[in-house]
Amino acid sequence: MSKKPLSPQKALGLRLKELRVEKSITQEELAERCGMFRTYMSRIEAGLANPTLTALHTLAAGLEIPITDLFIPAQTQPRRVNSTQPISRGRVR
């Protein structure tokens, strides 16, 4: 069974929440930083609002991130490599 793809609004909302939680900021705090209502912030995170480019720019500034980070899914960001594993020094043929 294949999963139904997320709407752009839902994907943005999930990413916004992920970034906000990562920075230990509440919806109320981020809304205040951005000059928005907390209820609007909640609707964006739930994928129920369609924020303007200006609102997205303001949210990115409130999170102190580049606006592009709002559109990069977490799973596509570089991951840390476990540095405790030895690097193979074998010959390349």
PDB file of N, CA and C in Angstrom:
ATOM      1  N   MET A   1       0.843  -1.172   0.000  1.00  0.00           N
ATOM      2  CA  MET A   1       0.000   0.000   0.000  1.00  0.00           C
ATOM      3  C   MET A   1       0.895   1.244   0.000  1.00  0.00           C
ATOM      4  N   SER A   2       0.699   2.143  -0.944  1.00  0.00           N
ATOM      5  CA  SER A   2       1.526   3.340  -1.012  1.00  0.00           C
ATOM      6  C   SER A   2       0.924   4.455  -0.173  1.00  0.00           C
ATOM      7  N   LYS A   3       1.809   5.280   0.357  1.00  0.00           N
ATOM      8  CA  LYS A   3       1.364   6.412   1.159  1.00  0.00           C
ATOM      9  C   LYS A   3       0.946   7.550   0.246  1.00  0.00           C
ATOM     10  N   LYS A   4      -0.085   8.255   0.646  1.00  0.00           N
ATOM     11  CA  LYS A   4      -0.521   9.437  -0.082  1.00  0.00           C
ATOM     12  C   LYS A   4       0.474  10.556   0.211  1.00  0.00           C
ATOM     13  N   PRO A   5       0.974  11.241  -0.824  1.00  0.00           N
ATOM     14  CA  PRO A   5       1.944  12.307  -0.576  1.00  0.00           C
ATOM     15  C   PRO A   5       1.318  13.446   0.227  1.00  0.00           C
ATOM     16  N   LEU A   6       2.143  14.081   1.054  1.00  0.00           N
ATOM     17  CA  LEU A   6       1.679  15.211   1.856  1.00  0.00           C
ATOM     18  C   LEU A   6       1.416  16.413   0.965  1.00  0.00           C
ATOM     19  N   SER A   7       0.430  17.184   1.335  1.00  0.00           N
ATOM     20  CA  SER A   7       0.200  18.449   0.629  1.00  0.00           C
ATOM     21  C   SER A   7       1.362  19.382   0.959  1.00  0.00           C
ATOM     22  N   PRO A   8       1.619  20.354   0.110  1.00  0.00           N
ATOM     23  CA  PRO A   8       2.703  21.302   0.419  1.00  0.00           C
ATOM     24  C   PRO A   8       2.488  22.010   1.754  1.00  0.00           C
ATOM     25  N   GLN A   9       1.239  22.334   2.076  1.00  0.00           N
ATOM     26  CA  GLN A   9       0.953  23.007   3.340  1.00  0.00           C
ATOM     27  C   GLN A   9       1.262  22.104   4.533  1.00  0.00           C
ATOM     28  N   LYS A  10       0.893  20.826   4.432  1.00  0.00           N
ATOM     29  CA  LYS A  10       1.141  19.884   5.526  1.00  0.00           C
ATOM     30  C   LYS A  10       2.641  19.648   5.699  1.00  0.00           C
ATOM     31  N   ALA A  11       3.360  19.482   4.579  1.00  0.00           N
ATOM     32  CA  ALA A  11       4.807  19.271   4.643  1.00  0.00           C
ATOM     33  C   ALA A  11       5.501  20.484   5.272  1.00  0.00           C
ATOM     34  N   LEU A  12       5.080  21.675   4.873  1.00  0.00           N
ATOM     35  CA  LEU A  12       5.644  22.897   5.452  1.00  0.00           C
ATOM     36  C   LEU A  12       5.347  22.965   6.943  1.00  0.00           C
ATOM     37  N   GLY A  13       4.121  22.655   7.315  1.00  0.00           N
ATOM     38  CA  GLY A  13       3.736  22.698   8.726  1.00  0.00           C
ATOM     39  C   GLY A  13       4.552  21.742   9.578  1.00  0.00           C
ATOM     40  N   LEU A  14       4.748  20.537   9.078  1.00  0.00           N
ATOM     41  CA  LEU A  14       5.554  19.554   9.815  1.00  0.00           C
ATOM     42  C   LEU A  14       6.993  20.028   9.955  1.00  0.00           C
ATOM     43  N   ARG A  15       7.529  20.595   8.878  1.00  0.00           N
ATOM     44  CA  ARG A  15       8.911  21.083   8.908  1.00  0.00           C
ATOM     45  C   ARG A  15       9.050  22.262   9.861  1.00  0.00           C
ATOM     46  N   LEU A  16       8.080  23.182   9.838  1.00  0.00           N
ATOM     47  CA  LEU A  16       8.106  24.329  10.735  1.00  0.00           C
ATOM     48  C   LEU A  16       8.089  23.870  12.185  1.00  0.00           C
ATOM     49  N   LYS A  17       7.226  22.929  12.495  1.00  0.00           N
ATOM     50  CA  LYS A  17       7.148  22.422  13.862  1.00  0.00           C
ATOM     51  C   LYS A  17       8.460  21.748  14.254  1.00  0.00           C
ATOM     52  N   GLU A  18       9.007  20.961  13.351  1.00  0.00           N
ATOM     53  CA  GLU A  18      10.271  20.274  13.621  1.00  0.00           C
ATOM     54  C   GLU A  18      11.379  21.283  13.957  1.00  0.00           C
ATOM     55  N   LEU A  19      11.486  22.336  13.162  1.00  0.00           N
ATOM     56  CA  LEU A  19      12.513  23.350  13.393  1.00  0.00           C
ATOM     57  C   LEU A  19      12.264  24.108  14.694  1.00  0.00           C
ATOM     58  N   ARG A  20      11.010  24.412  14.964  1.00  0.00           N
ATOM     59  CA  ARG A  20      10.665  25.146  16.189  1.00  0.00           C
ATOM     60  C   ARG A  20      10.997  24.320  17.429  1.00  0.00           C
ATOM     61  N   VAL A  21      10.612  23.046  17.420  1.00  0.00           N
ATOM     62  CA  VAL A  21      10.869  22.162  18.558  1.00  0.00           C
ATOM     63  C   VAL A  21      12.377  21.947  18.730  1.00  0.00           C
ATOM     64  N   GLU A  22      13.082  21.808  17.616  1.00  0.00           N
ATOM     65  CA  GLU A  22      14.540  21.635  17.642  1.00  0.00           C
ATOM     66  C   GLU A  22      15.218  22.791  18.370  1.00  0.00           C
ATOM     67  N   LYS A  23      14.643  23.988  18.253  1.00  0.00           N
ATOM     68  CA  LYS A  23      15.203  25.174  18.895  1.00  0.00           C
ATOM     69  C   LYS A  23      14.570  25.453  20.259  1.00  0.00           C
ATOM     70  N   SER A  24      13.730  24.528  20.721  1.00  0.00           N
ATOM     71  CA  SER A  24      13.065  24.649  22.031  1.00  0.00           C
ATOM     72  C   SER A  24      12.276  25.947  22.162  1.00  0.00           C
ATOM     73  N   ILE A  25      11.520  26.264  21.114  1.00  0.00           N
ATOM     74  CA  ILE A  25      10.696  27.468  21.101  1.00  0.00           C
ATOM     75  C   ILE A  25       9.227  27.036  21.071  1.00  0.00           C
ATOM     76  N   THR A  26       8.398  27.653  21.883  1.00  0.00           N
ATOM     77  CA  THR A  26       6.970  27.344  21.859  1.00  0.00           C
ATOM     78  C   THR A  26       6.305  28.087  20.698  1.00  0.00           C
ATOM     79  N   GLN A  27       5.104  27.645  20.347  1.00  0.00           N
ATOM     80  CA  GLN A  27       4.347  28.357  19.317  1.00  0.00           C
ATOM     81  C   GLN A  27       4.139  29.807  19.740  1.00  0.00           C
ATOM     82  N   GLU A  28       3.842  30.000  21.003  1.00  0.00           N
ATOM     83  CA  GLU A  28       3.605  31.347  21.535  1.00  0.00           C
ATOM     84  C   GLU A  28       4.846  32.225  21.354  1.00  0.00           C
ATOM     85  N   GLU A  29       6.020  31.682  21.690  1.00  0.00           N
ATOM     86  CA  GLU A  29       7.266  32.450  21.557  1.00  0.00           C
ATOM     87  C   GLU A  29       7.549  32.804  20.096  1.00  0.00           C
ATOM     88  N   LEU A  30       7.410  31.820  19.212  1.00  0.00           N
ATOM     89  CA  LEU A  30       7.675  32.084  17.801  1.00  0.00           C
ATOM     90  C   LEU A  30       6.672  33.081  17.237  1.00  0.00           C
ATOM     91  N   ALA A  31       5.422  32.938  17.612  1.00  0.00           N
ATOM     92  CA  ALA A  31       4.392  33.878  17.152  1.00  0.00           C
ATOM     93  C   ALA A  31       4.726  35.296  17.602  1.00  0.00           C
ATOM     94  N   GLU A  32       5.178  35.429  18.833  1.00  0.00           N
ATOM     95  CA  GLU A  32       5.538  36.749  19.352  1.00  0.00           C
ATOM     96  C   GLU A  32       6.737  37.327  18.599  1.00  0.00           C
ATOM     97  N   ARG A  33       7.750  36.501  18.358  1.00  0.00           N
ATOM     98  CA  ARG A  33       8.926  36.946  17.603  1.00  0.00           C
ATOM     99  C   ARG A  33       8.549  37.432  16.212  1.00  0.00           C
ATOM    100  N   CYS A  34       7.529  36.795  15.640  1.00  0.00           N
ATOM    101  CA  CYS A  34       7.143  37.073  14.254  1.00  0.00           C
ATOM    102  C   CYS A  34       6.008  38.078  14.128  1.00  0.00           C
ATOM    103  N   GLY A  35       5.447  38.490  15.248  1.00  0.00           N
ATOM    104  CA  GLY A  35       4.325  39.420  15.193  1.00  0.00           C
ATOM    105  C   GLY A  35       3.070  38.778  14.638  1.00  0.00           C
ATOM    106  N   MET A  36       2.884  37.483  14.932  1.00  0.00           N
ATOM    107  CA  MET A  36       1.722  36.731  14.453  1.00  0.00           C
ATOM    108  C   MET A  36       0.915  36.230  15.646  1.00  0.00           C
ATOM    109  N   PHE A  37      -0.298  35.812  15.389  1.00  0.00           N
ATOM    110  CA  PHE A  37      -1.113  35.187  16.421  1.00  0.00           C
ATOM    111  C   PHE A  37      -0.702  33.725  16.582  1.00  0.00           C
ATOM    112  N   ARG A  38      -0.738  33.215  17.815  1.00  0.00           N
ATOM    113  CA  ARG A  38      -0.406  31.819  18.059  1.00  0.00           C
ATOM    114  C   ARG A  38      -1.347  30.893  17.313  1.00  0.00           C
ATOM    115  N   THR A  39      -2.599  31.282  17.184  1.00  0.00           N
ATOM    116  CA  THR A  39      -3.564  30.446  16.471  1.00  0.00           C
ATOM    117  C   THR A  39      -3.203  30.309  14.990  1.00  0.00           C
ATOM    118  N   TYR A  40      -2.653  31.377  14.401  1.00  0.00           N
ATOM    119  CA  TYR A  40      -2.200  31.304  13.005  1.00  0.00           C
ATOM    120  C   TYR A  40      -1.011  30.358  12.900  1.00  0.00           C
ATOM    121  N   MET A  41      -0.097  30.447  13.867  1.00  0.00           N
ATOM    122  CA  MET A  41       1.068  29.558  13.905  1.00  0.00           C
ATOM    123  C   MET A  41       0.602  28.106  13.992  1.00  0.00           C
ATOM    124  N   SER A  42      -0.389  27.856  14.810  1.00  0.00           N
ATOM    125  CA  SER A  42      -0.938  26.510  14.965  1.00  0.00           C
ATOM    126  C   SER A  42      -1.554  26.014  13.661  1.00  0.00           C
ATOM    127  N   ARG A  43      -2.262  26.887  12.963  1.00  0.00           N
ATOM    128  CA  ARG A  43      -2.883  26.506  11.691  1.00  0.00           C
ATOM    129  C   ARG A  43      -1.827  26.210  10.622  1.00  0.00           C
ATOM    130  N   ILE A  44      -0.734  26.970  10.627  1.00  0.00           N
ATOM    131  CA  ILE A  44       0.349  26.702   9.668  1.00  0.00           C
ATOM    132  C   ILE A  44       0.945  25.326   9.953  1.00  0.00           C
ATOM    133  N   GLU A  45       1.254  25.059  11.220  1.00  0.00           N
ATOM    134  CA  GLU A  45       1.853  23.773  11.586  1.00  0.00           C
ATOM    135  C   GLU A  45       0.927  22.600  11.295  1.00  0.00           C
ATOM    136  N   ALA A  46      -0.359  22.820  11.375  1.00  0.00           N
ATOM    137  CA  ALA A  46      -1.330  21.757  11.099  1.00  0.00           C
ATOM    138  C   ALA A  46      -1.595  21.584   9.603  1.00  0.00           C
ATOM    139  N   GLY A  47      -1.019  22.465   8.798  1.00  0.00           N
ATOM    140  CA  GLY A  47      -1.224  22.387   7.353  1.00  0.00           C
ATOM    141  C   GLY A  47      -2.560  22.942   6.918  1.00  0.00           C
ATOM    142  N   LEU A  48      -3.166  23.767   7.764  1.00  0.00           N
ATOM    143  CA  LEU A  48      -4.485  24.321   7.476  1.00  0.00           C
ATOM    144  C   LEU A  48      -4.436  25.745   6.937  1.00  0.00           C
ATOM    145  N   ALA A  49      -3.249  26.343   6.959  1.00  0.00           N
ATOM    146  CA  ALA A  49      -3.097  27.706   6.453  1.00  0.00           C
ATOM    147  C   ALA A  49      -2.138  27.682   5.272  1.00  0.00           C
ATOM    148  N   ASN A  50      -2.266  28.662   4.429  1.00  0.00           N
ATOM    149  CA  ASN A  50      -1.407  28.797   3.258  1.00  0.00           C
ATOM    150  C   ASN A  50      -0.660  30.126   3.406  1.00  0.00           C
ATOM    151  N   PRO A  51       0.466  30.112   4.156  1.00  0.00           N
ATOM    152  CA  PRO A  51       1.149  31.372   4.460  1.00  0.00           C
ATOM    153  C   PRO A  51       1.740  32.032   3.210  1.00  0.00           C
ATOM    154  N   THR A  52       1.782  33.345   3.241  1.00  0.00           N
ATOM    155  CA  THR A  52       2.368  34.117   2.144  1.00  0.00           C
ATOM    156  C   THR A  52       3.887  34.013   2.197  1.00  0.00           C
ATOM    157  N   LEU A  53       4.535  34.433   1.136  1.00  0.00           N
ATOM    158  CA  LEU A  53       5.987  34.459   1.100  1.00  0.00           C
ATOM    159  C   LEU A  53       6.523  35.380   2.200  1.00  0.00           C
ATOM    160  N   THR A  54       5.843  36.479   2.426  1.00  0.00           N
ATOM    161  CA  THR A  54       6.247  37.401   3.484  1.00  0.00           C
ATOM    162  C   THR A  54       6.170  36.719   4.844  1.00  0.00           C
ATOM    163  N   ALA A  55       5.103  35.952   5.083  1.00  0.00           N
ATOM    164  CA  ALA A  55       4.964  35.232   6.354  1.00  0.00           C
ATOM    165  C   ALA A  55       6.070  34.191   6.509  1.00  0.00           C
ATOM    166  N   LEU A  56       6.409  33.496   5.429  1.00  0.00           N
ATOM    167  CA  LEU A  56       7.474  32.496   5.484  1.00  0.00           C
ATOM    168  C   LEU A  56       8.817  33.147   5.786  1.00  0.00           C
ATOM    169  N   HIS A  57       9.056  34.293   5.183  1.00  0.00           N
ATOM    170  CA  HIS A  57      10.292  35.026   5.442  1.00  0.00           C
ATOM    171  C   HIS A  57      10.354  35.445   6.916  1.00  0.00           C
ATOM    172  N   THR A  58       9.240  35.905   7.451  1.00  0.00           N
ATOM    173  CA  THR A  58       9.164  36.320   8.845  1.00  0.00           C
ATOM    174  C   THR A  58       9.381  35.132   9.779  1.00  0.00           C
ATOM    175  N   LEU A  59       8.804  33.977   9.440  1.00  0.00           N
ATOM    176  CA  LEU A  59       8.997  32.768  10.254  1.00  0.00           C
ATOM    177  C   LEU A  59      10.459  32.338  10.256  1.00  0.00           C
ATOM    178  N   ALA A  60      11.091  32.369   9.098  1.00  0.00           N
ATOM    179  CA  ALA A  60      12.509  31.997   9.004  1.00  0.00           C
ATOM    180  C   ALA A  60      13.360  32.943   9.858  1.00  0.00           C
ATOM    181  N   ALA A  61      13.060  34.226   9.798  1.00  0.00           N
ATOM    182  CA  ALA A  61      13.796  35.197  10.607  1.00  0.00           C
ATOM    183  C   ALA A  61      13.571  34.928  12.094  1.00  0.00           C
ATOM    184  N   GLY A  62      12.334  34.587  12.464  1.00  0.00           N
ATOM    185  CA  GLY A  62      12.027  34.290  13.862  1.00  0.00           C
ATOM    186  C   GLY A  62      12.752  33.052  14.374  1.00  0.00           C
ATOM    187  N   LEU A  63      12.999  32.108  13.476  1.00  0.00           N
ATOM    188  CA  LEU A  63      13.735  30.893  13.837  1.00  0.00           C
ATOM    189  C   LEU A  63      15.245  31.065  13.647  1.00  0.00           C
ATOM    190  N   GLU A  64      15.643  32.202  13.067  1.00  0.00           N
ATOM    191  CA  GLU A  64      17.051  32.508  12.785  1.00  0.00           C
ATOM    192  C   GLU A  64      17.667  31.449  11.860  1.00  0.00           C
ATOM    193  N   ILE A  65      16.945  31.167  10.775  1.00  0.00           N
ATOM    194  CA  ILE A  65      17.397  30.192   9.774  1.00  0.00           C
ATOM    195  C   ILE A  65      17.211  30.799   8.384  1.00  0.00           C
ATOM    196  N   PRO A  66      17.919  30.271   7.392  1.00  0.00           N
ATOM    197  CA  PRO A  66      17.641  30.706   6.018  1.00  0.00           C
ATOM    198  C   PRO A  66      16.246  30.209   5.613  1.00  0.00           C
ATOM    199  N   ILE A  67      15.546  30.977   4.825  1.00  0.00           N
ATOM    200  CA  ILE A  67      14.190  30.607   4.425  1.00  0.00           C
ATOM    201  C   ILE A  67      14.166  29.245   3.723  1.00  0.00           C
ATOM    202  N   THR A  68      15.237  28.915   3.026  1.00  0.00           N
ATOM    203  CA  THR A  68      15.294  27.640   2.311  1.00  0.00           C
ATOM    204  C   THR A  68      15.188  26.439   3.249  1.00  0.00           C
ATOM    205  N   ASP A  69      15.599  26.593   4.508  1.00  0.00           N
ATOM    206  CA  ASP A  69      15.516  25.490   5.472  1.00  0.00           C
ATOM    207  C   ASP A  69      14.070  25.058   5.728  1.00  0.00           C
ATOM    208  N   LEU A  70      13.126  25.948   5.465  1.00  0.00           N
ATOM    209  CA  LEU A  70      11.716  25.590   5.653  1.00  0.00           C
ATOM    210  C   LEU A  70      11.254  24.570   4.618  1.00  0.00           C
ATOM    211  N   PHE A  71      11.992  24.454   3.515  1.00  0.00           N
ATOM    212  CA  PHE A  71      11.566  23.598   2.421  1.00  0.00           C
ATOM    213  C   PHE A  71      12.413  22.342   2.245  1.00  0.00           C
ATOM    214  N   ILE A  72      13.380  22.142   3.118  1.00  0.00           N
ATOM    215  CA  ILE A  72      14.247  20.968   3.037  1.00  0.00           C
ATOM    216  C   ILE A  72      13.738  19.933   4.031  1.00  0.00           C
ATOM    217  N   PRO A  73      13.198  18.826   3.545  1.00  0.00           N
ATOM    218  CA  PRO A  73      12.737  17.786   4.476  1.00  0.00           C
ATOM    219  C   PRO A  73      13.892  17.282   5.324  1.00  0.00           C
ATOM    220  N   ALA A  74      13.617  16.960   6.565  1.00  0.00           N
ATOM    221  CA  ALA A  74      14.643  16.525   7.509  1.00  0.00           C
ATOM    222  C   ALA A  74      15.437  15.343   6.985  1.00  0.00           C
ATOM    223  N   GLN A  75      14.778  14.382   6.348  1.00  0.00           N
ATOM    224  CA  GLN A  75      15.476  13.178   5.891  1.00  0.00           C
ATOM    225  C   GLN A  75      16.459  13.446   4.761  1.00  0.00           C
ATOM    226  N   THR A  76      16.402  14.611   4.116  1.00  0.00           N
ATOM    227  CA  THR A  76      17.340  14.890   3.036  1.00  0.00           C
ATOM    228  C   THR A  76      18.519  15.739   3.503  1.00  0.00           C
ATOM    229  N   GLN A  77      18.496  16.165   4.752  1.00  0.00           N
ATOM    230  CA  GLN A  77      19.609  16.933   5.265  1.00  0.00           C
ATOM    231  C   GLN A  77      20.768  15.998   5.583  1.00  0.00           C
ATOM    232  N   PRO A  78      21.997  16.494   5.486  1.00  0.00           N
ATOM    233  CA  PRO A  78      23.147  15.644   5.783  1.00  0.00           C
ATOM    234  C   PRO A  78      23.070  15.084   7.199  1.00  0.00           C
ATOM    235  N   ARG A  79      23.443  13.841   7.326  1.00  0.00           N
ATOM    236  CA  ARG A  79      23.452  13.196   8.639  1.00  0.00           C
ATOM    237  C   ARG A  79      24.879  12.999   9.085  1.00  0.00           C
ATOM    238  N   ARG A  80      25.071  12.960  10.388  1.00  0.00           N
ATOM    239  CA  ARG A  80      26.402  12.731  10.934  1.00  0.00           C
ATOM    240  C   ARG A  80      26.792  11.277  10.746  1.00  0.00           C
ATOM    241  N   VAL A  81      28.027  11.077  10.454  1.00  0.00           N
ATOM    242  CA  VAL A  81      28.552   9.728  10.291  1.00  0.00           C
ATOM    243  C   VAL A  81      29.123   9.289  11.626  1.00  0.00           C
ATOM    244  N   ASN A  82      28.873   8.044  11.995  1.00  0.00           N
ATOM    245  CA  ASN A  82      29.403   7.511  13.235  1.00  0.00           C
ATOM    246  C   ASN A  82      30.915   7.386  13.096  1.00  0.00           C
ATOM    247  N   SER A  83      31.647   8.230  13.794  1.00  0.00           N
ATOM    248  CA  SER A  83      33.100   8.278  13.629  1.00  0.00           C
ATOM    249  C   SER A  83      33.822   7.168  14.383  1.00  0.00           C
ATOM    250  N   THR A  84      33.106   6.308  15.089  1.00  0.00           N
ATOM    251  CA  THR A  84      33.765   5.231  15.814  1.00  0.00           C
ATOM    252  C   THR A  84      34.020   4.014  14.933  1.00  0.00           C
ATOM    253  N   GLN A  85      33.462   3.992  13.744  1.00  0.00           N
ATOM    254  CA  GLN A  85      33.680   2.873  12.840  1.00  0.00           C
ATOM    255  C   GLN A  85      34.980   3.093  12.074  1.00  0.00           C
ATOM    256  N   PRO A  86      35.819   2.055  11.995  1.00  0.00           N
ATOM    257  CA  PRO A  86      37.093   2.209  11.286  1.00  0.00           C
ATOM    258  C   PRO A  86      36.870   2.400   9.786  1.00  0.00           C
ATOM    259  N   ILE A  87      37.746   3.163   9.188  1.00  0.00           N
ATOM    260  CA  ILE A  87      37.697   3.391   7.754  1.00  0.00           C
ATOM    261  C   ILE A  87      38.527   2.298   7.088  1.00  0.00           C
ATOM    262  N   SER A  88      37.969   1.674   6.087  1.00  0.00           N
ATOM    263  CA  SER A  88      38.676   0.625   5.370  1.00  0.00           C
ATOM    264  C   SER A  88      39.845   1.231   4.603  1.00  0.00           C
ATOM    265  N   ARG A  89      40.991   0.607   4.724  1.00  0.00           N
ATOM    266  CA  ARG A  89      42.182   1.089   4.027  1.00  0.00           C
ATOM    267  C   ARG A  89      42.587   0.120   2.913  1.00  0.00           C
ATOM    268  N   GLY A  90      41.612  -0.660   2.451  1.00  0.00           N
ATOM    269  CA  GLY A  90      41.880  -1.633   1.394  1.00  0.00           C
ATOM    270  C   GLY A  90      42.203  -0.972   0.068  1.00  0.00           C
ATOM    271  N   ARG A  91      42.712  -1.755  -0.838  1.00  0.00           N
ATOM    272  CA  ARG A  91      43.072  -1.263  -2.172  1.00  0.00           C
ATOM    273  C   ARG A  91      41.837  -1.158  -3.056  1.00  0.00           C
ATOM    274  N   VAL A  92      41.814  -0.166  -3.874  1.00  0.00           N
ATOM    275  CA  VAL A  92      40.751   0.003  -4.855  1.00  0.00           C
ATOM    276  C   VAL A  92      41.217  -0.652  -6.136  1.00  0.00           C
ATOM    277  N   ARG A  93      40.414  -1.511  -6.701  1.00  0.00           N
ATOM    278  CA  ARG A  93      40.818  -2.222  -7.923  1.00  0.00           C
ATOM    279  C   ARG A  93      40.045  -1.745  -9.103  1.00  0.00           C
TER     280      ARG A  93
END
